[in-house]
């Protein structure tokens, strides 16, 4: 797993790659809801390749096909750990409490969180 964080633009591109499995630069340009230049996306994908998040593969027509080599779960887990370490002195409890205080949370969300906590407690 690469130890580099993703910038917001890199994360946006990675979300497209994770959801489509195999993409060309044009596929990513078309999938992102905001306007980004083809060259911007191409440069971002080159950076992601250099960081070890994606791999360039075969050609589809004249364009290369890219695939993620780091899973969403791995990348998001690494980002969450970095966030906890950077802002909450490594405390997951402090981070979760901060999120609960600063974000709107529905009853359904609370139920899901309680279920996840119960499941974790039962597995220990």
C-alpha atoms as a PDB file:
ATOM      1  CA  UNK A   1       0.000   0.000   0.000  1.00  0.00           C
ATOM      2  CA  UNK A   2       1.404   3.383  -0.927  1.00  0.00           C
ATOM      3  CA  UNK A   3       1.937   5.660   2.049  1.00  0.00           C
ATOM      4  CA  UNK A   4       1.126   8.785   0.079  1.00  0.00           C
ATOM      5  CA  UNK A   5      -2.099  10.615   0.747  1.00  0.00           C
ATOM      6  CA  UNK A   6      -4.485  11.412  -2.059  1.00  0.00           C
ATOM      7  CA  UNK A   7      -5.195  15.023  -2.939  1.00  0.00           C
ATOM      8  CA  UNK A   8      -8.879  15.894  -3.417  1.00  0.00           C
ATOM      9  CA  UNK A   9      -8.487  15.705  -7.215  1.00  0.00           C
ATOM     10  CA  UNK A  10      -6.641  12.381  -7.000  1.00  0.00           C
ATOM     11  CA  UNK A  11      -9.367  10.973  -4.748  1.00  0.00           C
ATOM     12  CA  UNK A  12     -12.007  12.128  -7.215  1.00  0.00           C
ATOM     13  CA  UNK A  13     -10.221  10.301 -10.039  1.00  0.00           C
ATOM     14  CA  UNK A  14      -9.648   7.211  -7.897  1.00  0.00           C
ATOM     15  CA  UNK A  15     -13.357   7.048  -7.024  1.00  0.00           C
ATOM     16  CA  UNK A  16     -14.131   6.838 -10.748  1.00  0.00           C
ATOM     17  CA  UNK A  17     -11.490   4.156 -11.263  1.00  0.00           C
ATOM     18  CA  UNK A  18     -12.729   2.105  -8.306  1.00  0.00           C
ATOM     19  CA  UNK A  19     -16.320   2.277  -9.511  1.00  0.00           C
ATOM     20  CA  UNK A  20     -15.535   1.395 -13.143  1.00  0.00           C
ATOM     21  CA  UNK A  21     -12.681  -1.106 -12.585  1.00  0.00           C
ATOM     22  CA  UNK A  22     -10.927  -0.364 -15.910  1.00  0.00           C
ATOM     23  CA  UNK A  23     -10.897   3.106 -17.464  1.00  0.00           C
ATOM     24  CA  UNK A  24      -9.257   5.316 -20.033  1.00  0.00           C
ATOM     25  CA  UNK A  25      -8.447   8.948 -19.352  1.00  0.00           C
ATOM     26  CA  UNK A  26     -11.498   9.935 -21.406  1.00  0.00           C
ATOM     27  CA  UNK A  27     -13.717   7.616 -19.310  1.00  0.00           C
ATOM     28  CA  UNK A  28     -12.600   9.523 -16.202  1.00  0.00           C
ATOM     29  CA  UNK A  29     -13.122  12.922 -17.846  1.00  0.00           C
ATOM     30  CA  UNK A  30     -16.650  11.853 -18.830  1.00  0.00           C
ATOM     31  CA  UNK A  31     -17.479  10.453 -15.373  1.00  0.00           C
ATOM     32  CA  UNK A  32     -16.407  13.438 -13.269  1.00  0.00           C
ATOM     33  CA  UNK A  33     -19.338  15.828 -12.866  1.00  0.00           C
ATOM     34  CA  UNK A  34     -17.272  19.005 -12.975  1.00  0.00           C
ATOM     35  CA  UNK A  35     -15.340  20.231 -15.984  1.00  0.00           C
ATOM     36  CA  UNK A  36     -11.738  19.066 -15.998  1.00  0.00           C
ATOM     37  CA  UNK A  37      -9.383  19.277 -18.944  1.00  0.00           C
ATOM     38  CA  UNK A  38      -8.286  15.999 -20.489  1.00  0.00           C
ATOM     39  CA  UNK A  39      -4.666  16.933 -19.800  1.00  0.00           C
ATOM     40  CA  UNK A  40      -5.437  17.605 -16.123  1.00  0.00           C
ATOM     41  CA  UNK A  41      -6.957  14.150 -15.724  1.00  0.00           C
ATOM     42  CA  UNK A  42      -4.098  12.565 -17.690  1.00  0.00           C
ATOM     43  CA  UNK A  43      -1.522  14.277 -15.442  1.00  0.00           C
ATOM     44  CA  UNK A  44      -3.424  13.251 -12.309  1.00  0.00           C
ATOM     45  CA  UNK A  45      -3.531   9.642 -13.500  1.00  0.00           C
ATOM     46  CA  UNK A  46       0.217   9.718 -14.201  1.00  0.00           C
ATOM     47  CA  UNK A  47       0.782  10.952 -10.638  1.00  0.00           C
ATOM     48  CA  UNK A  48      -1.471   8.167  -9.307  1.00  0.00           C
ATOM     49  CA  UNK A  49       0.537   5.655 -11.334  1.00  0.00           C
ATOM     50  CA  UNK A  50       3.796   7.057  -9.951  1.00  0.00           C
ATOM     51  CA  UNK A  51       2.387   6.884  -6.405  1.00  0.00           C
ATOM     52  CA  UNK A  52       1.459   3.218  -6.921  1.00  0.00           C
ATOM     53  CA  UNK A  53      -2.326   3.539  -6.823  1.00  0.00           C
ATOM     54  CA  UNK A  54      -3.050   2.571 -10.443  1.00  0.00           C
ATOM     55  CA  UNK A  55      -1.407   0.635 -13.244  1.00  0.00           C
ATOM     56  CA  UNK A  56      -1.489   1.310 -16.951  1.00  0.00           C
ATOM     57  CA  UNK A  57      -2.392  -1.773 -18.960  1.00  0.00           C
ATOM     58  CA  UNK A  58      -3.444  -2.695 -22.458  1.00  0.00           C
ATOM     59  CA  UNK A  59      -4.664  -0.299 -25.092  1.00  0.00           C
ATOM     60  CA  UNK A  60      -8.303   0.213 -25.974  1.00  0.00           C
ATOM     61  CA  UNK A  61      -8.118   1.734 -29.419  1.00  0.00           C
ATOM     62  CA  UNK A  62      -5.515   4.469 -29.096  1.00  0.00           C
ATOM     63  CA  UNK A  63      -5.964   4.926 -25.340  1.00  0.00           C
ATOM     64  CA  UNK A  64      -4.393   3.031 -22.466  1.00  0.00           C
ATOM     65  CA  UNK A  65      -6.616   1.311 -19.913  1.00  0.00           C
ATOM     66  CA  UNK A  66      -5.895   1.934 -16.222  1.00  0.00           C
ATOM     67  CA  UNK A  67      -6.823  -0.210 -13.240  1.00  0.00           C
ATOM     68  CA  UNK A  68      -6.561   0.369  -9.508  1.00  0.00           C
ATOM     69  CA  UNK A  69      -3.908  -1.678  -7.766  1.00  0.00           C
ATOM     70  CA  UNK A  70      -4.851  -0.317  -4.340  1.00  0.00           C
ATOM     71  CA  UNK A  71      -8.330  -1.123  -3.061  1.00  0.00           C
ATOM     72  CA  UNK A  72     -10.758   1.514  -1.861  1.00  0.00           C
ATOM     73  CA  UNK A  73     -10.770  -0.129   1.568  1.00  0.00           C
ATOM     74  CA  UNK A  74      -6.999   0.019   1.859  1.00  0.00           C
ATOM     75  CA  UNK A  75      -6.717   3.627   0.662  1.00  0.00           C
ATOM     76  CA  UNK A  76      -9.606   4.896   2.773  1.00  0.00           C
ATOM     77  CA  UNK A  77      -8.342   3.042   5.845  1.00  0.00           C
ATOM     78  CA  UNK A  78      -4.916   4.598   5.406  1.00  0.00           C
ATOM     79  CA  UNK A  79      -6.455   8.056   5.020  1.00  0.00           C
ATOM     80  CA  UNK A  80      -8.605   7.630   8.126  1.00  0.00           C
ATOM     81  CA  UNK A  81      -5.559   6.502  10.114  1.00  0.00           C
ATOM     82  CA  UNK A  82      -3.582   9.518   8.901  1.00  0.00           C
ATOM     83  CA  UNK A  83      -6.463  11.810   9.858  1.00  0.00           C
ATOM     84  CA  UNK A  84      -6.719  10.295  13.333  1.00  0.00           C
ATOM     85  CA  UNK A  85      -2.964  10.628  13.846  1.00  0.00           C
ATOM     86  CA  UNK A  86      -2.735  14.157  12.462  1.00  0.00           C
ATOM     87  CA  UNK A  87      -5.678  15.781  14.245  1.00  0.00           C
ATOM     88  CA  UNK A  88      -6.665  13.509  17.123  1.00  0.00           C
ATOM     89  CA  UNK A  89      -3.337  12.233  18.459  1.00  0.00           C
ATOM     90  CA  UNK A  90      -4.238   8.784  17.129  1.00  0.00           C
ATOM     91  CA  UNK A  91      -7.480   8.587  19.107  1.00  0.00           C
ATOM     92  CA  UNK A  92     -10.270   6.950  17.116  1.00  0.00           C
ATOM     93  CA  UNK A  93     -12.699   7.814  19.910  1.00  0.00           C
ATOM     94  CA  UNK A  94     -11.885  11.532  19.705  1.00  0.00           C
ATOM     95  CA  UNK A  95     -12.182  11.479  15.921  1.00  0.00           C
ATOM     96  CA  UNK A  96     -15.573   9.741  15.955  1.00  0.00           C
ATOM     97  CA  UNK A  97     -16.894  12.042  18.678  1.00  0.00           C
ATOM     98  CA  UNK A  98     -15.757  15.062  16.678  1.00  0.00           C
ATOM     99  CA  UNK A  99     -17.532  13.757  13.576  1.00  0.00           C
ATOM    100  CA  UNK A 100     -20.703  13.125  15.556  1.00  0.00           C
ATOM    101  CA  UNK A 101     -20.628  16.664  16.972  1.00  0.00           C
ATOM    102  CA  UNK A 102     -19.906  18.457  13.705  1.00  0.00           C
ATOM    103  CA  UNK A 103     -22.080  16.537  11.227  1.00  0.00           C
ATOM    104  CA  UNK A 104     -25.798  15.975  10.873  1.00  0.00           C
ATOM    105  CA  UNK A 105     -26.540  12.368  11.737  1.00  0.00           C
ATOM    106  CA  UNK A 106     -29.819  10.562  11.204  1.00  0.00           C
ATOM    107  CA  UNK A 107     -31.489   8.030  13.461  1.00  0.00           C
ATOM    108  CA  UNK A 108     -30.737   5.411  10.812  1.00  0.00           C
ATOM    109  CA  UNK A 109     -27.039   6.349  10.924  1.00  0.00           C
ATOM    110  CA  UNK A 110     -27.026   6.029  14.711  1.00  0.00           C
ATOM    111  CA  UNK A 111     -28.693   2.622  14.501  1.00  0.00           C
ATOM    112  CA  UNK A 112     -26.092   1.460  11.984  1.00  0.00           C
ATOM    113  CA  UNK A 113     -23.274   2.768  14.198  1.00  0.00           C
ATOM    114  CA  UNK A 114     -24.707   0.988  17.259  1.00  0.00           C
ATOM    115  CA  UNK A 115     -24.975  -2.236  15.268  1.00  0.00           C
ATOM    116  CA  UNK A 116     -21.354  -1.900  14.126  1.00  0.00           C
ATOM    117  CA  UNK A 117     -20.204  -1.269  17.706  1.00  0.00           C
ATOM    118  CA  UNK A 118     -22.206  -4.270  18.974  1.00  0.00           C
ATOM    119  CA  UNK A 119     -20.695  -6.447  16.252  1.00  0.00           C
ATOM    120  CA  UNK A 120     -17.169  -5.330  17.166  1.00  0.00           C
ATOM    121  CA  UNK A 121     -17.786  -5.988  20.852  1.00  0.00           C
ATOM    122  CA  UNK A 122     -19.111  -9.496  20.153  1.00  0.00           C
ATOM    123  CA  UNK A 123     -16.081 -10.365  18.034  1.00  0.00           C
ATOM    124  CA  UNK A 124     -13.632  -9.518  20.823  1.00  0.00           C
END
